[in-house]
Amino acid sequence: MGDWYLRAGTGRPLFAWRARGRGLPCRTPGQHEKDRWCNVQHIIELFQWLTLVKMGTAVLMVVLLSVLAEAVSPKFAGILSGYPLGAAIGLFFMGLEISPGFAAEGALYTSVGLIATQVFAYGYYRISVVAGSLRAGLNILLSSLAGTAGFLAAASILSLLPISRISAVLLPSASIVLFIFIFRHVKDVKIQKRVGMNPKVLFFRSAFAACSIVVITSTAGLVGPAWAGMFAAFPITMLPFVVIIHFTYGPGPVYSILKSVHKGLGSLVAYSLAVSFCYPACGIYGGTAVAYGLATLYLVATQVKFPLHARS
């Protein structure tokens, strides 16, 4: 296999089976340079296809969350944004583009990285409250920068820790309990007057979501599994979702979303743990199906209780 197919330092073939599977007669004896150029063309073509899939998935998720926040409630959309959406995309493409083992190891750091995700949510909320007197655009910018800085600071510390499956469950679980307590006084606000979903609104939401997720997922191959896992925990769907709602409806619904996110993050802990077991054993497709099944069971089992507690 030509050196265009080898990932530096690993000796593992990269995209070789995909290019060969297309059945194109690239390998012609005596035409080494032509062979190399053909291989590069296949890799570029595949990268473009994967980028389109990432963008399309991101757009669908963010637009769906924003519609749910408008049609149902910010609280419901906030809980659902804790479900494996952006992180699942990141882990899936790590497994597809790099290897299932790489993604399985990174999944443990994704689980621990949920602590950094919650730091992001709190940082965004706190700065937005402090900068409440500023105009909306500046408030959103400062809040986003503060949340991102908080995420990176927390992730840089967490990436240094030795992580096992036990700590990958206990640490984020304790963090979830803590942040639910911290956000306990934030009021749940409903969106009273919806903005029509015209082409301009849809384009803005779609473009912002697509750019966010492509930048984050494309960096995973440049770093080790620890930081790649942390990047998968970055709120790649929650950030554009929160910015869209903040820009459209103001800070009140956003605070409801950020308060509720923590209640859904346990499903992502379950998802990440399942990926760490199932990606090496079942492959990325079977592993993703099993992981989503466990995450869904967790979310249904826990969220059914909340209305009962509220009525009592």
C-alpha atoms as a PDB file:
ATOM      1  CA  MET A   1       0.000   0.000   0.000  1.00  0.00           C
ATOM      2  CA  GLY A   2       1.449   3.401  -0.938  1.00  0.00           C
ATOM      3  CA  ASP A   3       2.614   5.839   1.689  1.00  0.00           C
ATOM      4  CA  TRP A   4      -0.358   8.086   0.913  1.00  0.00           C
ATOM      5  CA  TYR A   5      -2.434   5.529   2.766  1.00  0.00           C
ATOM      6  CA  LEU A   6      -0.386   5.416   5.970  1.00  0.00           C
ATOM      7  CA  ARG A   7      -1.076   7.552   9.010  1.00  0.00           C
ATOM      8  CA  ALA A   8       2.244   8.891  10.260  1.00  0.00           C
ATOM      9  CA  GLY A   9       3.628   7.060  13.255  1.00  0.00           C
ATOM     10  CA  THR A  10       1.053   4.268  13.272  1.00  0.00           C
ATOM     11  CA  GLY A  11       1.666   2.199  10.169  1.00  0.00           C
ATOM     12  CA  ARG A  12      -2.089   1.687   9.899  1.00  0.00           C
ATOM     13  CA  PRO A  13      -3.747   2.040   6.488  1.00  0.00           C
ATOM     14  CA  LEU A  14      -5.917   5.132   6.107  1.00  0.00           C
ATOM     15  CA  PHE A  15      -8.811   5.104   3.633  1.00  0.00           C
ATOM     16  CA  ALA A  16      -7.070   2.329   1.663  1.00  0.00           C
ATOM     17  CA  TRP A  17     -10.057   0.009   1.593  1.00  0.00           C
ATOM     18  CA  ARG A  18     -12.374   2.814   0.533  1.00  0.00           C
ATOM     19  CA  ALA A  19     -10.303   3.826  -2.457  1.00  0.00           C
ATOM     20  CA  ARG A  20      -9.695   0.225  -3.476  1.00  0.00           C
ATOM     21  CA  GLY A  21     -13.372  -0.600  -3.031  1.00  0.00           C
ATOM     22  CA  ARG A  22     -14.323   1.881  -5.730  1.00  0.00           C
ATOM     23  CA  GLY A  23     -12.796  -0.435  -8.324  1.00  0.00           C
ATOM     24  CA  LEU A  24     -10.885   2.313 -10.141  1.00  0.00           C
ATOM     25  CA  PRO A  25      -7.712   1.193 -11.971  1.00  0.00           C
ATOM     26  CA  CYS A  26      -5.298   3.459 -10.130  1.00  0.00           C
ATOM     27  CA  ARG A  27      -2.388   1.095  -9.724  1.00  0.00           C
ATOM     28  CA  THR A  28      -0.770   0.916 -13.128  1.00  0.00           C
ATOM     29  CA  PRO A  29       2.757  -0.553 -13.274  1.00  0.00           C
ATOM     30  CA  GLY A  30       5.372   2.040 -14.045  1.00  0.00           C
ATOM     31  CA  GLN A  31       3.093   4.973 -13.221  1.00  0.00           C
ATOM     32  CA  HIS A  32       3.912   5.572  -9.580  1.00  0.00           C
ATOM     33  CA  GLU A  33       3.274   9.307  -9.643  1.00  0.00           C
ATOM     34  CA  LYS A  34      -0.049   8.854 -11.396  1.00  0.00           C
ATOM     35  CA  ASP A  35      -0.940   6.203  -8.798  1.00  0.00           C
ATOM     36  CA  ARG A  36      -0.166   8.608  -5.960  1.00  0.00           C
ATOM     37  CA  TRP A  37      -2.213  11.402  -7.498  1.00  0.00           C
ATOM     38  CA  CYS A  38      -5.187   9.096  -7.951  1.00  0.00           C
ATOM     39  CA  ASN A  39      -4.982   8.017  -4.318  1.00  0.00           C
ATOM     40  CA  VAL A  40      -4.913  11.635  -3.172  1.00  0.00           C
ATOM     41  CA  GLN A  41      -7.974  12.385  -5.293  1.00  0.00           C
ATOM     42  CA  HIS A  42      -9.866   9.537  -3.598  1.00  0.00           C
ATOM     43  CA  ILE A  43      -8.909  10.803  -0.139  1.00  0.00           C
ATOM     44  CA  ILE A  44      -9.992  14.361  -0.977  1.00  0.00           C
ATOM     45  CA  GLU A  45     -13.276  13.083  -2.399  1.00  0.00           C
ATOM     46  CA  LEU A  46     -13.965  11.023   0.739  1.00  0.00           C
ATOM     47  CA  PHE A  47     -13.055  13.939   3.020  1.00  0.00           C
ATOM     48  CA  GLN A  48     -15.488  16.188   1.164  1.00  0.00           C
ATOM     49  CA  TRP A  49     -18.251  13.585   1.489  1.00  0.00           C
ATOM     50  CA  LEU A  50     -17.656  13.155   5.232  1.00  0.00           C
ATOM     51  CA  THR A  51     -17.638  16.928   5.710  1.00  0.00           C
ATOM     52  CA  LEU A  52     -21.018  17.192   3.994  1.00  0.00           C
ATOM     53  CA  VAL A  53     -22.402  14.453   6.241  1.00  0.00           C
ATOM     54  CA  LYS A  54     -21.124  16.266   9.352  1.00  0.00           C
ATOM     55  CA  MET A  55     -22.613  19.551   8.220  1.00  0.00           C
ATOM     56  CA  GLY A  56     -25.947  18.021   7.304  1.00  0.00           C
ATOM     57  CA  THR A  57     -26.237  16.178  10.613  1.00  0.00           C
ATOM     58  CA  ALA A  58     -25.287  19.273  12.594  1.00  0.00           C
ATOM     59  CA  VAL A  59     -27.773  21.453  10.759  1.00  0.00           C
ATOM     60  CA  LEU A  60     -30.574  18.953  11.331  1.00  0.00           C
ATOM     61  CA  MET A  61     -29.869  18.626  15.059  1.00  0.00           C
ATOM     62  CA  VAL A  62     -29.507  22.323  15.816  1.00  0.00           C
ATOM     63  CA  VAL A  63     -32.555  23.345  13.814  1.00  0.00           C
ATOM     64  CA  LEU A  64     -34.578  20.563  15.465  1.00  0.00           C
ATOM     65  CA  LEU A  65     -33.513  21.668  18.947  1.00  0.00           C
ATOM     66  CA  SER A  66     -34.370  25.286  18.227  1.00  0.00           C
ATOM     67  CA  VAL A  67     -37.813  24.284  16.910  1.00  0.00           C
ATOM     68  CA  LEU A  68     -38.430  22.129  20.005  1.00  0.00           C
ATOM     69  CA  ALA A  69     -37.456  25.034  22.253  1.00  0.00           C
ATOM     70  CA  GLU A  70     -40.012  27.186  20.452  1.00  0.00           C
ATOM     71  CA  ALA A  71     -42.801  24.626  20.081  1.00  0.00           C
ATOM     72  CA  VAL A  72     -42.496  22.710  23.377  1.00  0.00           C
ATOM     73  CA  SER A  73     -40.278  24.532  25.897  1.00  0.00           C
ATOM     74  CA  PRO A  74     -36.649  25.577  26.430  1.00  0.00           C
ATOM     75  CA  LYS A  75     -36.540  23.166  29.380  1.00  0.00           C
ATOM     76  CA  PHE A  76     -37.445  20.187  27.194  1.00  0.00           C
ATOM     77  CA  ALA A  77     -34.966  21.225  24.492  1.00  0.00           C
ATOM     78  CA  GLY A  78     -32.290  21.751  27.145  1.00  0.00           C
ATOM     79  CA  ILE A  79     -32.731  18.228  28.509  1.00  0.00           C
ATOM     80  CA  LEU A  80     -32.678  16.825  24.986  1.00  0.00           C
ATOM     81  CA  SER A  81     -29.487  18.739  24.175  1.00  0.00           C
ATOM     82  CA  GLY A  82     -27.800  16.655  26.877  1.00  0.00           C
ATOM     83  CA  TYR A  83     -28.654  13.575  24.825  1.00  0.00           C
ATOM     84  CA  PRO A  84     -25.778  12.217  22.642  1.00  0.00           C
ATOM     85  CA  LEU A  85     -25.977  14.535  19.662  1.00  0.00           C
ATOM     86  CA  GLY A  86     -22.784  16.455  18.932  1.00  0.00           C
ATOM     87  CA  ALA A  87     -20.592  14.092  20.979  1.00  0.00           C
ATOM     88  CA  ALA A  88     -22.025  11.097  19.155  1.00  0.00           C
ATOM     89  CA  ILE A  89     -21.155  12.706  15.825  1.00  0.00           C
ATOM     90  CA  GLY A  90     -17.597  13.349  16.996  1.00  0.00           C
ATOM     91  CA  LEU A  91     -17.032   9.813  18.296  1.00  0.00           C
ATOM     92  CA  PHE A  92     -18.614   8.203  15.246  1.00  0.00           C
ATOM     93  CA  PHE A  93     -16.380  10.066  12.813  1.00  0.00           C
ATOM     94  CA  MET A  94     -13.309   9.399  14.959  1.00  0.00           C
ATOM     95  CA  GLY A  95     -14.096   5.706  14.639  1.00  0.00           C
ATOM     96  CA  LEU A  96     -14.768   6.021  10.917  1.00  0.00           C
ATOM     97  CA  GLU A  97     -11.832   8.253   9.975  1.00  0.00           C
ATOM     98  CA  ILE A  98      -9.209   6.985  12.458  1.00  0.00           C
ATOM     99  CA  SER A  99     -10.145   3.675  14.125  1.00  0.00           C
ATOM    100  CA  PRO A 100     -12.793   2.175  16.461  1.00  0.00           C
ATOM    101  CA  GLY A 101     -10.134   1.649  19.133  1.00  0.00           C
ATOM    102  CA  PHE A 102      -9.136   5.305  19.006  1.00  0.00           C
ATOM    103  CA  ALA A 103     -12.767   6.376  19.400  1.00  0.00           C
ATOM    104  CA  ALA A 104     -13.345   3.850  22.218  1.00  0.00           C
ATOM    105  CA  GLU A 105     -10.440   5.287  24.200  1.00  0.00           C
ATOM    106  CA  GLY A 106     -11.518   8.824  23.426  1.00  0.00           C
ATOM    107  CA  ALA A 107     -15.062   8.045  24.620  1.00  0.00           C
ATOM    108  CA  LEU A 108     -13.846   7.746  28.216  1.00  0.00           C
ATOM    109  CA  TYR A 109     -12.402  11.244  27.986  1.00  0.00           C
ATOM    110  CA  THR A 110     -15.627  12.418  26.372  1.00  0.00           C
ATOM    111  CA  SER A 111     -17.491  11.231  29.464  1.00  0.00           C
ATOM    112  CA  VAL A 112     -15.086  13.035  31.789  1.00  0.00           C
ATOM    113  CA  GLY A 113     -15.168  16.001  29.417  1.00  0.00           C
ATOM    114  CA  LEU A 114     -18.814  16.506  30.311  1.00  0.00           C
ATOM    115  CA  ILE A 115     -17.488  18.267  33.397  1.00  0.00           C
ATOM    116  CA  ALA A 116     -15.957  20.824  31.036  1.00  0.00           C
ATOM    117  CA  THR A 117     -19.258  20.978  29.134  1.00  0.00           C
ATOM    118  CA  GLN A 118     -21.007  21.960  32.350  1.00  0.00           C
ATOM    119  CA  VAL A 119     -18.317  24.537  33.061  1.00  0.00           C
ATOM    120  CA  PHE A 120     -19.104  25.960  29.628  1.00  0.00           C
ATOM    121  CA  ALA A 121     -22.806  26.168  30.488  1.00  0.00           C
ATOM    122  CA  TYR A 122     -22.135  27.883  33.805  1.00  0.00           C
ATOM    123  CA  GLY A 123     -19.582  30.269  32.284  1.00  0.00           C
ATOM    124  CA  TYR A 124     -22.000  31.290  29.548  1.00  0.00           C
ATOM    125  CA  TYR A 125     -24.792  31.799  32.080  1.00  0.00           C
ATOM    126  CA  ARG A 126     -22.709  33.739  34.610  1.00  0.00           C
ATOM    127  CA  ILE A 127     -21.137  36.156  32.108  1.00  0.00           C
ATOM    128  CA  SER A 128     -24.485  36.693  30.402  1.00  0.00           C
ATOM    129  CA  VAL A 129     -26.004  37.716  33.740  1.00  0.00           C
ATOM    130  CA  VAL A 130     -23.077  39.998  34.617  1.00  0.00           C
ATOM    131  CA  ALA A 131     -23.094  41.593  31.147  1.00  0.00           C
ATOM    132  CA  GLY A 132     -26.877  41.920  31.072  1.00  0.00           C
ATOM    133  CA  SER A 133     -26.759  45.667  30.499  1.00  0.00           C
ATOM    134  CA  LEU A 134     -24.783  45.324  27.255  1.00  0.00           C
ATOM    135  CA  ARG A 135     -26.417  45.056  23.850  1.00  0.00           C
ATOM    136  CA  ALA A 136     -27.450  41.565  22.815  1.00  0.00           C
ATOM    137  CA  GLY A 137     -24.702  40.907  20.256  1.00  0.00           C
ATOM    138  CA  LEU A 138     -21.896  41.836  22.651  1.00  0.00           C
ATOM    139  CA  ASN A 139     -23.507  39.915  25.485  1.00  0.00           C
ATOM    140  CA  ILE A 140     -23.704  36.774  23.333  1.00  0.00           C
ATOM    141  CA  LEU A 141     -20.106  37.180  22.163  1.00  0.00           C
ATOM    142  CA  LEU A 142     -18.696  37.631  25.675  1.00  0.00           C
ATOM    143  CA  SER A 143     -20.804  34.786  27.043  1.00  0.00           C
ATOM    144  CA  SER A 144     -19.705  32.431  24.263  1.00  0.00           C
ATOM    145  CA  LEU A 145     -16.044  33.344  24.727  1.00  0.00           C
ATOM    146  CA  ALA A 146     -16.280  32.915  28.502  1.00  0.00           C
ATOM    147  CA  GLY A 147     -17.995  29.559  28.171  1.00  0.00           C
ATOM    148  CA  THR A 148     -15.464  28.338  25.606  1.00  0.00           C
ATOM    149  CA  ALA A 149     -12.532  29.538  27.733  1.00  0.00           C
ATOM    150  CA  GLY A 150     -14.008  27.746  30.732  1.00  0.00           C
ATOM    151  CA  PHE A 151     -14.396  24.565  28.705  1.00  0.00           C
ATOM    152  CA  LEU A 152     -10.800  24.670  27.457  1.00  0.00           C
ATOM    153  CA  ALA A 153      -9.399  25.402  30.921  1.00  0.00           C
ATOM    154  CA  ALA A 154     -11.340  22.532  32.497  1.00  0.00           C
ATOM    155  CA  ALA A 155     -10.537  20.181  29.602  1.00  0.00           C
ATOM    156  CA  SER A 156      -6.809  20.940  29.807  1.00  0.00           C
ATOM    157  CA  ILE A 157      -6.824  19.845  33.449  1.00  0.00           C
ATOM    158  CA  LEU A 158      -9.053  16.816  32.928  1.00  0.00           C
ATOM    159  CA  SER A 159      -6.958  15.568  29.985  1.00  0.00           C
ATOM    160  CA  LEU A 160      -4.017  15.107  32.366  1.00  0.00           C
ATOM    161  CA  LEU A 161      -5.893  12.733  34.656  1.00  0.00           C
ATOM    162  CA  PRO A 162      -5.536   8.954  34.365  1.00  0.00           C
ATOM    163  CA  ILE A 163      -9.007   7.861  33.281  1.00  0.00           C
ATOM    164  CA  SER A 164     -10.625   4.463  33.799  1.00  0.00           C
ATOM    165  CA  ARG A 165     -14.162   3.344  33.109  1.00  0.00           C
ATOM    166  CA  ILE A 166     -14.993   3.777  36.793  1.00  0.00           C
ATOM    167  CA  SER A 167     -13.735   7.364  36.970  1.00  0.00           C
ATOM    168  CA  ALA A 168     -15.379   8.069  33.601  1.00  0.00           C
ATOM    169  CA  VAL A 169     -18.715   7.366  35.285  1.00  0.00           C
ATOM    170  CA  LEU A 170     -18.185   8.707  38.815  1.00  0.00           C
ATOM    171  CA  LEU A 171     -16.582  12.069  37.980  1.00  0.00           C
ATOM    172  CA  PRO A 172     -19.200  13.388  35.524  1.00  0.00           C
ATOM    173  CA  SER A 173     -22.034  11.948  37.647  1.00  0.00           C
ATOM    174  CA  ALA A 174     -20.836  13.927  40.665  1.00  0.00           C
ATOM    175  CA  SER A 175     -20.475  16.999  38.465  1.00  0.00           C
ATOM    176  CA  ILE A 176     -24.044  16.630  37.184  1.00  0.00           C
ATOM    177  CA  VAL A 177     -25.392  16.591  40.737  1.00  0.00           C
ATOM    178  CA  LEU A 178     -23.297  19.653  41.617  1.00  0.00           C
ATOM    179  CA  PHE A 179     -24.408  21.761  38.647  1.00  0.00           C
ATOM    180  CA  ILE A 180     -28.062  20.822  39.072  1.00  0.00           C
ATOM    181  CA  PHE A 181     -27.723  22.231  42.591  1.00  0.00           C
ATOM    182  CA  ILE A 182     -25.960  25.379  41.338  1.00  0.00           C
ATOM    183  CA  PHE A 183     -28.700  26.095  38.769  1.00  0.00           C
ATOM    184  CA  ARG A 184     -31.588  25.274  41.120  1.00  0.00           C
ATOM    185  CA  HIS A 185     -32.743  28.912  41.474  1.00  0.00           C
ATOM    186  CA  VAL A 186     -32.863  29.643  37.732  1.00  0.00           C
ATOM    187  CA  LYS A 187     -36.471  29.999  36.588  1.00  0.00           C
ATOM    188  CA  ASP A 188     -37.943  28.037  33.697  1.00  0.00           C
ATOM    189  CA  VAL A 189     -39.093  30.463  30.999  1.00  0.00           C
ATOM    190  CA  LYS A 190     -41.238  29.583  28.003  1.00  0.00           C
ATOM    191  CA  ILE A 191     -41.066  31.254  24.609  1.00  0.00           C
ATOM    192  CA  GLN A 192     -44.300  33.217  24.232  1.00  0.00           C
ATOM    193  CA  LYS A 193     -44.069  34.471  20.658  1.00  0.00           C
ATOM    194  CA  ARG A 194     -42.325  32.317  18.087  1.00  0.00           C
ATOM    195  CA  VAL A 195     -40.309  33.745  15.225  1.00  0.00           C
ATOM    196  CA  GLY A 196     -41.412  32.418  11.845  1.00  0.00           C
ATOM    197  CA  MET A 197     -39.086  29.863  10.234  1.00  0.00           C
ATOM    198  CA  ASN A 198     -38.383  31.859   7.070  1.00  0.00           C
ATOM    199  CA  PRO A 199     -35.462  31.126   4.696  1.00  0.00           C
ATOM    200  CA  LYS A 200     -33.276  33.823   6.295  1.00  0.00           C
ATOM    201  CA  VAL A 201     -33.697  32.396   9.806  1.00  0.00           C
ATOM    202  CA  LEU A 202     -33.142  28.846   8.563  1.00  0.00           C
ATOM    203  CA  PHE A 203     -29.991  29.853   6.659  1.00  0.00           C
ATOM    204  CA  PHE A 204     -28.486  31.624   9.683  1.00  0.00           C
ATOM    205  CA  ARG A 205     -29.160  28.671  11.989  1.00  0.00           C
ATOM    206  CA  SER A 206     -27.889  26.152   9.456  1.00  0.00           C
ATOM    207  CA  ALA A 207     -24.696  28.006   8.531  1.00  0.00           C
ATOM    208  CA  PHE A 208     -23.687  28.704  12.120  1.00  0.00           C
ATOM    209  CA  ALA A 209     -24.286  25.091  13.173  1.00  0.00           C
ATOM    210  CA  ALA A 210     -22.438  23.646  10.183  1.00  0.00           C
ATOM    211  CA  CYS A 211     -19.333  25.796  10.650  1.00  0.00           C
ATOM    212  CA  SER A 212     -19.150  25.021  14.371  1.00  0.00           C
ATOM    213  CA  ILE A 213     -19.271  21.246  14.070  1.00  0.00           C
ATOM    214  CA  VAL A 214     -16.925  20.912  11.096  1.00  0.00           C
ATOM    215  CA  VAL A 215     -14.177  22.924  12.831  1.00  0.00           C
ATOM    216  CA  ILE A 216     -14.392  20.847  16.014  1.00  0.00           C
ATOM    217  CA  THR A 217     -14.624  17.370  14.484  1.00  0.00           C
ATOM    218  CA  SER A 218     -11.905  18.076  11.917  1.00  0.00           C
ATOM    219  CA  THR A 219      -9.312  18.698  14.653  1.00  0.00           C
ATOM    220  CA  ALA A 220      -9.675  15.260  16.259  1.00  0.00           C
ATOM    221  CA  GLY A 221      -7.167  13.577  13.968  1.00  0.00           C
ATOM    222  CA  LEU A 222      -4.492  16.142  14.885  1.00  0.00           C
ATOM    223  CA  VAL A 223      -4.460  15.280  18.590  1.00  0.00           C
ATOM    224  CA  GLY A 224      -4.328  12.166  20.765  1.00  0.00           C
ATOM    225  CA  PRO A 225      -7.388  10.270  21.990  1.00  0.00           C
ATOM    226  CA  ALA A 226      -7.494  12.180  25.287  1.00  0.00           C
ATOM    227  CA  TRP A 227      -7.895  15.601  23.664  1.00  0.00           C
ATOM    228  CA  ALA A 228      -9.927  14.134  20.820  1.00  0.00           C
ATOM    229  CA  GLY A 229     -12.349  12.784  23.427  1.00  0.00           C
ATOM    230  CA  MET A 230     -12.456  16.163  25.125  1.00  0.00           C
ATOM    231  CA  PHE A 231     -13.224  17.816  21.795  1.00  0.00           C
ATOM    232  CA  ALA A 232     -16.096  15.367  21.340  1.00  0.00           C
ATOM    233  CA  ALA A 233     -17.520  16.672  24.637  1.00  0.00           C
ATOM    234  CA  PHE A 234     -17.385  20.254  23.370  1.00  0.00           C
ATOM    235  CA  PRO A 235     -20.965  21.571  23.034  1.00  0.00           C
ATOM    236  CA  ILE A 236     -20.855  21.582  19.238  1.00  0.00           C
ATOM    237  CA  THR A 237     -24.637  21.491  18.972  1.00  0.00           C
ATOM    238  CA  MET A 238     -25.462  23.246  22.240  1.00  0.00           C
ATOM    239  CA  LEU A 239     -23.343  26.341  21.491  1.00  0.00           C
ATOM    240  CA  PRO A 240     -24.988  27.259  18.159  1.00  0.00           C
ATOM    241  CA  PHE A 241     -28.365  26.239  19.595  1.00  0.00           C
ATOM    242  CA  VAL A 242     -27.938  28.536  22.622  1.00  0.00           C
ATOM    243  CA  VAL A 243     -26.612  31.406  20.498  1.00  0.00           C
ATOM    244  CA  ILE A 244     -29.561  31.112  18.097  1.00  0.00           C
ATOM    245  CA  ILE A 245     -32.131  31.159  20.913  1.00  0.00           C
ATOM    246  CA  HIS A 246     -30.317  33.990  22.735  1.00  0.00           C
ATOM    247  CA  PHE A 247     -30.104  36.109  19.599  1.00  0.00           C
ATOM    248  CA  THR A 248     -33.762  35.479  18.737  1.00  0.00           C
ATOM    249  CA  TYR A 249     -35.520  35.523  22.116  1.00  0.00           C
ATOM    250  CA  GLY A 250     -33.136  37.018  24.651  1.00  0.00           C
ATOM    251  CA  PRO A 251     -31.422  35.512  27.722  1.00  0.00           C
ATOM    252  CA  GLY A 252     -34.438  34.157  29.640  1.00  0.00           C
ATOM    253  CA  PRO A 253     -35.068  31.015  27.545  1.00  0.00           C
ATOM    254  CA  VAL A 254     -31.321  30.448  27.294  1.00  0.00           C
ATOM    255  CA  TYR A 255     -30.988  30.269  31.076  1.00  0.00           C
ATOM    256  CA  SER A 256     -33.765  27.670  31.121  1.00  0.00           C
ATOM    257  CA  ILE A 257     -31.880  25.635  28.526  1.00  0.00           C
ATOM    258  CA  LEU A 258     -28.576  25.845  30.386  1.00  0.00           C
ATOM    259  CA  LYS A 259     -30.289  24.860  33.634  1.00  0.00           C
ATOM    260  CA  SER A 260     -31.867  21.777  32.045  1.00  0.00           C
ATOM    261  CA  VAL A 261     -28.856  20.523  30.077  1.00  0.00           C
ATOM    262  CA  HIS A 262     -27.379  18.829  33.139  1.00  0.00           C
ATOM    263  CA  LYS A 263     -30.465  16.642  33.588  1.00  0.00           C
ATOM    264  CA  GLY A 264     -29.881  15.053  30.201  1.00  0.00           C
ATOM    265  CA  LEU A 265     -26.112  14.593  30.383  1.00  0.00           C
ATOM    266  CA  GLY A 266     -26.365  11.276  32.222  1.00  0.00           C
ATOM    267  CA  SER A 267     -27.500   9.741  28.944  1.00  0.00           C
ATOM    268  CA  LEU A 268     -24.214  10.877  27.395  1.00  0.00           C
ATOM    269  CA  VAL A 269     -22.271   9.232  30.227  1.00  0.00           C
ATOM    270  CA  ALA A 270     -24.094   5.983  29.434  1.00  0.00           C
ATOM    271  CA  TYR A 271     -23.452   6.478  25.711  1.00  0.00           C
ATOM    272  CA  SER A 272     -19.712   7.085  26.149  1.00  0.00           C
ATOM    273  CA  LEU A 273     -19.304   4.066  28.422  1.00  0.00           C
ATOM    274  CA  ALA A 274     -21.117   1.875  25.889  1.00  0.00           C
ATOM    275  CA  VAL A 275     -18.893   3.168  23.068  1.00  0.00           C
ATOM    276  CA  SER A 276     -15.762   2.286  25.040  1.00  0.00           C
ATOM    277  CA  PHE A 277     -16.976  -1.319  25.249  1.00  0.00           C
ATOM    278  CA  CYS A 278     -18.856  -1.776  21.982  1.00  0.00           C
ATOM    279  CA  TYR A 279     -16.796   0.023  19.316  1.00  0.00           C
ATOM    280  CA  PRO A 280     -13.896  -2.483  19.521  1.00  0.00           C
ATOM    281  CA  ALA A 281     -16.262  -5.447  19.886  1.00  0.00           C
ATOM    282  CA  CYS A 282     -19.143  -4.558  17.537  1.00  0.00           C
ATOM    283  CA  GLY A 283     -17.670  -1.947  15.206  1.00  0.00           C
ATOM    284  CA  ILE A 284     -18.811   1.652  14.895  1.00  0.00           C
ATOM    285  CA  TYR A 285     -22.244   0.902  13.452  1.00  0.00           C
ATOM    286  CA  GLY A 286     -23.274  -1.823  15.880  1.00  0.00           C
ATOM    287  CA  GLY A 287     -21.575  -0.008  18.748  1.00  0.00           C
ATOM    288  CA  THR A 288     -23.410   3.217  17.955  1.00  0.00           C
ATOM    289  CA  ALA A 289     -26.748   1.393  17.880  1.00  0.00           C
ATOM    290  CA  VAL A 290     -26.134  -0.258  21.267  1.00  0.00           C
ATOM    291  CA  ALA A 291     -24.862   2.990  22.801  1.00  0.00           C
ATOM    292  CA  TYR A 292     -27.903   4.951  21.604  1.00  0.00           C
ATOM    293  CA  GLY A 293     -30.174   2.239  22.988  1.00  0.00           C
ATOM    294  CA  LEU A 294     -28.620   2.528  26.455  1.00  0.00           C
ATOM    295  CA  ALA A 295     -28.633   6.342  26.344  1.00  0.00           C
ATOM    296  CA  THR A 296     -32.312   6.348  25.378  1.00  0.00           C
ATOM    297  CA  LEU A 297     -33.226   3.924  28.161  1.00  0.00           C
ATOM    298  CA  TYR A 298     -31.433   6.147  30.675  1.00  0.00           C
ATOM    299  CA  LEU A 299     -33.146   9.316  29.484  1.00  0.00           C
ATOM    300  CA  VAL A 300     -36.604   7.758  29.469  1.00  0.00           C
ATOM    301  CA  ALA A 301     -36.105   6.122  32.884  1.00  0.00           C
ATOM    302  CA  THR A 302     -34.923   9.332  34.549  1.00  0.00           C
ATOM    303  CA  GLN A 303     -37.045  11.971  32.837  1.00  0.00           C
ATOM    304  CA  VAL A 304     -40.333  10.150  33.378  1.00  0.00           C
ATOM    305  CA  LYS A 305     -39.808  10.722  37.097  1.00  0.00           C
ATOM    306  CA  PHE A 306     -39.428  14.504  36.903  1.00  0.00           C
ATOM    307  CA  PRO A 307     -43.095  15.311  36.152  1.00  0.00           C
ATOM    308  CA  LEU A 308     -44.137  12.930  38.943  1.00  0.00           C
ATOM    309  CA  HIS A 309     -41.913  14.715  41.417  1.00  0.00           C
ATOM    310  CA  ALA A 310     -43.171  18.082  40.213  1.00  0.00           C
ATOM    311  CA  ARG A 311     -46.820  17.105  40.741  1.00  0.00           C
ATOM    312  CA  SER A 312     -46.130  15.700  44.171  1.00  0.00           C
END
